[in-house]
């Protein structure tokens, strides 16, 4: 109980996987790569 599934953003396929997982559990966490502060304009 109270477990979550974490999906790392590795492209379109990972988005598909995350969306499909919501059919089985509402506890899907989708994470993206945070830009380094030197990369932010």
PDB file of N, CA and C in Angstrom:
ATOM      1  N   UNK A   1       0.831  -1.195   0.000  1.00  0.00           N
ATOM      2  CA  UNK A   1       0.000   0.000   0.000  1.00  0.00           C
ATOM      3  C   UNK A   1       0.866   1.246   0.000  1.00  0.00           C
ATOM      4  N   UNK A   2       0.273   2.336  -0.471  1.00  0.00           N
ATOM      5  CA  UNK A   2       0.957   3.628  -0.531  1.00  0.00           C
ATOM      6  C   UNK A   2       2.253   3.581  -1.323  1.00  0.00           C
ATOM      7  N   UNK A   3       2.351   2.669  -2.268  1.00  0.00           N
ATOM      8  CA  UNK A   3       3.540   2.618  -3.115  1.00  0.00           C
ATOM      9  C   UNK A   3       3.257   3.377  -4.398  1.00  0.00           C
ATOM     10  N   UNK A   4       4.305   3.923  -4.954  1.00  0.00           N
ATOM     11  CA  UNK A   4       4.196   4.679  -6.189  1.00  0.00           C
ATOM     12  C   UNK A   4       5.120   4.078  -7.237  1.00  0.00           C
ATOM     13  N   UNK A   5       4.787   4.340  -8.486  1.00  0.00           N
ATOM     14  CA  UNK A   5       5.638   3.914  -9.593  1.00  0.00           C
ATOM     15  C   UNK A   5       6.278   5.169 -10.161  1.00  0.00           C
ATOM     16  N   UNK A   6       7.611   5.169 -10.275  1.00  0.00           N
ATOM     17  CA  UNK A   6       8.311   6.317 -10.826  1.00  0.00           C
ATOM     18  C   UNK A   6       8.770   5.986 -12.239  1.00  0.00           C
ATOM     19  N   UNK A   7       8.458   6.882 -13.163  1.00  0.00           N
ATOM     20  CA  UNK A   7       8.880   6.731 -14.552  1.00  0.00           C
ATOM     21  C   UNK A   7       9.776   7.914 -14.875  1.00  0.00           C
ATOM     22  N   UNK A   8      10.981   7.623 -15.362  1.00  0.00           N
ATOM     23  CA  UNK A   8      11.913   8.677 -15.739  1.00  0.00           C
ATOM     24  C   UNK A   8      11.702   9.049 -17.196  1.00  0.00           C
ATOM     25  N   UNK A   9      11.714  10.330 -17.494  1.00  0.00           N
ATOM     26  CA  UNK A   9      11.510  10.812 -18.859  1.00  0.00           C
ATOM     27  C   UNK A   9      12.720  10.461 -19.712  1.00  0.00           C
ATOM     28  N   UNK A  10      12.496   9.541 -20.638  1.00  0.00           N
ATOM     29  CA  UNK A  10      13.540   9.140 -21.580  1.00  0.00           C
ATOM     30  C   UNK A  10      13.011   9.208 -23.010  1.00  0.00           C
ATOM     31  N   UNK A  11      11.990  10.035 -23.206  1.00  0.00           N
ATOM     32  CA  UNK A  11      11.424  10.184 -24.539  1.00  0.00           C
ATOM     33  C   UNK A  11       9.956   9.813 -24.576  1.00  0.00           C
ATOM     34  N   UNK A  12       9.420   9.779 -25.802  1.00  0.00           N
ATOM     35  CA  UNK A  12       7.984   9.543 -25.976  1.00  0.00           C
ATOM     36  C   UNK A  12       7.524   8.209 -25.412  1.00  0.00           C
ATOM     37  N   UNK A  13       8.344   7.188 -25.524  1.00  0.00           N
ATOM     38  CA  UNK A  13       7.949   5.861 -25.030  1.00  0.00           C
ATOM     39  C   UNK A  13       7.695   5.896 -23.526  1.00  0.00           C
ATOM     40  N   UNK A  14       8.507   6.635 -22.789  1.00  0.00           N
ATOM     41  CA  UNK A  14       8.305   6.696 -21.336  1.00  0.00           C
ATOM     42  C   UNK A  14       7.008   7.425 -20.990  1.00  0.00           C
ATOM     43  N   UNK A  15       6.605   8.387 -21.813  1.00  0.00           N
ATOM     44  CA  UNK A  15       5.320   9.061 -21.598  1.00  0.00           C
ATOM     45  C   UNK A  15       4.191   8.063 -21.800  1.00  0.00           C
ATOM     46  N   UNK A  16       4.285   7.265 -22.864  1.00  0.00           N
ATOM     47  CA  UNK A  16       3.278   6.232 -23.138  1.00  0.00           C
ATOM     48  C   UNK A  16       3.174   5.249 -21.976  1.00  0.00           C
ATOM     49  N   UNK A  17       4.318   4.816 -21.485  1.00  0.00           N
ATOM     50  CA  UNK A  17       4.345   3.857 -20.378  1.00  0.00           C
ATOM     51  C   UNK A  17       3.674   4.456 -19.145  1.00  0.00           C
ATOM     52  N   UNK A  18       4.004   5.698 -18.826  1.00  0.00           N
ATOM     53  CA  UNK A  18       3.420   6.351 -17.648  1.00  0.00           C
ATOM     54  C   UNK A  18       1.903   6.456 -17.776  1.00  0.00           C
ATOM     55  N   UNK A  19       1.439   6.851 -18.950  1.00  0.00           N
ATOM     56  CA  UNK A  19      -0.009   6.969 -19.162  1.00  0.00           C
ATOM     57  C   UNK A  19      -0.681   5.607 -19.054  1.00  0.00           C
ATOM     58  N   UNK A  20      -0.079   4.589 -19.649  1.00  0.00           N
ATOM     59  CA  UNK A  20      -0.654   3.244 -19.580  1.00  0.00           C
ATOM     60  C   UNK A  20      -0.687   2.709 -18.151  1.00  0.00           C
ATOM     61  N   UNK A  21       0.303   3.043 -17.352  1.00  0.00           N
ATOM     62  CA  UNK A  21       0.341   2.581 -15.964  1.00  0.00           C
ATOM     63  C   UNK A  21      -0.798   3.165 -15.135  1.00  0.00           C
ATOM     64  N   UNK A  22      -1.303   4.332 -15.528  1.00  0.00           N
ATOM     65  CA  UNK A  22      -2.408   4.927 -14.772  1.00  0.00           C
ATOM     66  C   UNK A  22      -3.687   4.107 -14.901  1.00  0.00           C
ATOM     67  N   UNK A  23      -3.724   3.169 -15.825  1.00  0.00           N
ATOM     68  CA  UNK A  23      -4.869   2.256 -15.929  1.00  0.00           C
ATOM     69  C   UNK A  23      -4.887   1.279 -14.754  1.00  0.00           C
ATOM     70  N   UNK A  24      -3.714   1.061 -14.156  1.00  0.00           N
ATOM     71  CA  UNK A  24      -3.576   0.081 -13.079  1.00  0.00           C
ATOM     72  C   UNK A  24      -3.432   0.718 -11.706  1.00  0.00           C
ATOM     73  N   UNK A  25      -2.892   1.929 -11.661  1.00  0.00           N
ATOM     74  CA  UNK A  25      -2.704   2.629 -10.390  1.00  0.00           C
ATOM     75  C   UNK A  25      -2.699   4.136 -10.637  1.00  0.00           C
ATOM     76  N   UNK A  26      -3.299   4.906  -9.737  1.00  0.00           N
ATOM     77  CA  UNK A  26      -3.264   6.362  -9.897  1.00  0.00           C
ATOM     78  C   UNK A  26      -1.957   6.969  -9.377  1.00  0.00           C
ATOM     79  N   UNK A  27      -1.106   6.137  -8.828  1.00  0.00           N
ATOM     80  CA  UNK A  27       0.108   6.635  -8.175  1.00  0.00           C
ATOM     81  C   UNK A  27       1.333   6.501  -9.084  1.00  0.00           C
ATOM     82  N   UNK A  28       1.299   7.220 -10.192  1.00  0.00           N
ATOM     83  CA  UNK A  28       2.419   7.228 -11.131  1.00  0.00           C
ATOM     84  C   UNK A  28       3.091   8.593 -11.037  1.00  0.00           C
ATOM     85  N   UNK A  29       4.392   8.574 -10.790  1.00  0.00           N
ATOM     86  CA  UNK A  29       5.172   9.807 -10.705  1.00  0.00           C
ATOM     87  C   UNK A  29       6.055   9.867 -11.943  1.00  0.00           C
ATOM     88  N   UNK A  30       5.904  10.927 -12.729  1.00  0.00           N
ATOM     89  CA  UNK A  30       6.687  11.098 -13.956  1.00  0.00           C
ATOM     90  C   UNK A  30       7.715  12.187 -13.707  1.00  0.00           C
ATOM     91  N   UNK A  31       8.979  11.856 -13.854  1.00  0.00           N
ATOM     92  CA  UNK A  31      10.027  12.833 -13.572  1.00  0.00           C
ATOM     93  C   UNK A  31      10.786  13.165 -14.844  1.00  0.00           C
ATOM     94  N   UNK A  32      11.177  14.425 -14.942  1.00  0.00           N
ATOM     95  CA  UNK A  32      11.947  14.892 -16.089  1.00  0.00           C
ATOM     96  C   UNK A  32      13.314  15.354 -15.612  1.00  0.00           C
ATOM     97  N   UNK A  33      14.201  15.509 -16.549  1.00  0.00           N
ATOM     98  CA  UNK A  33      15.551  15.969 -16.255  1.00  0.00           C
ATOM     99  C   UNK A  33      15.506  17.457 -15.931  1.00  0.00           C
ATOM    100  N   UNK A  34      16.065  17.819 -14.801  1.00  0.00           N
ATOM    101  CA  UNK A  34      16.132  19.229 -14.434  1.00  0.00           C
ATOM    102  C   UNK A  34      17.384  19.823 -15.047  1.00  0.00           C
ATOM    103  N   UNK A  35      17.208  20.940 -15.721  1.00  0.00           N
ATOM    104  CA  UNK A  35      18.362  21.590 -16.330  1.00  0.00           C
ATOM    105  C   UNK A  35      19.269  22.147 -15.242  1.00  0.00           C
ATOM    106  N   UNK A  36      20.546  22.080 -15.505  1.00  0.00           N
ATOM    107  CA  UNK A  36      21.539  22.674 -14.630  1.00  0.00           C
ATOM    108  C   UNK A  36      21.347  24.190 -14.662  1.00  0.00           C
ATOM    109  N   UNK A  37      21.626  24.874 -13.585  1.00  0.00           N
ATOM    110  CA  UNK A  37      21.402  26.321 -13.542  1.00  0.00           C
ATOM    111  C   UNK A  37      22.199  27.046 -14.623  1.00  0.00           C
ATOM    112  N   UNK A  38      23.312  26.468 -15.074  1.00  0.00           N
ATOM    113  CA  UNK A  38      24.095  27.089 -16.137  1.00  0.00           C
ATOM    114  C   UNK A  38      23.425  26.925 -17.499  1.00  0.00           C
ATOM    115  N   UNK A  39      22.469  25.976 -17.621  1.00  0.00           N
ATOM    116  CA  UNK A  39      21.774  25.740 -18.881  1.00  0.00           C
ATOM    117  C   UNK A  39      20.541  26.616 -19.029  1.00  0.00           C
ATOM    118  N   UNK A  40      20.078  27.218 -17.956  1.00  0.00           N
ATOM    119  CA  UNK A  40      18.859  28.020 -17.986  1.00  0.00           C
ATOM    120  C   UNK A  40      19.180  29.387 -18.570  1.00  0.00           C
ATOM    121  N   UNK A  41      18.364  29.816 -19.528  1.00  0.00           N
ATOM    122  CA  UNK A  41      18.615  31.113 -20.188  1.00  0.00           C
ATOM    123  C   UNK A  41      18.148  32.265 -19.335  1.00  0.00           C
TER     124      UNK A  41
END
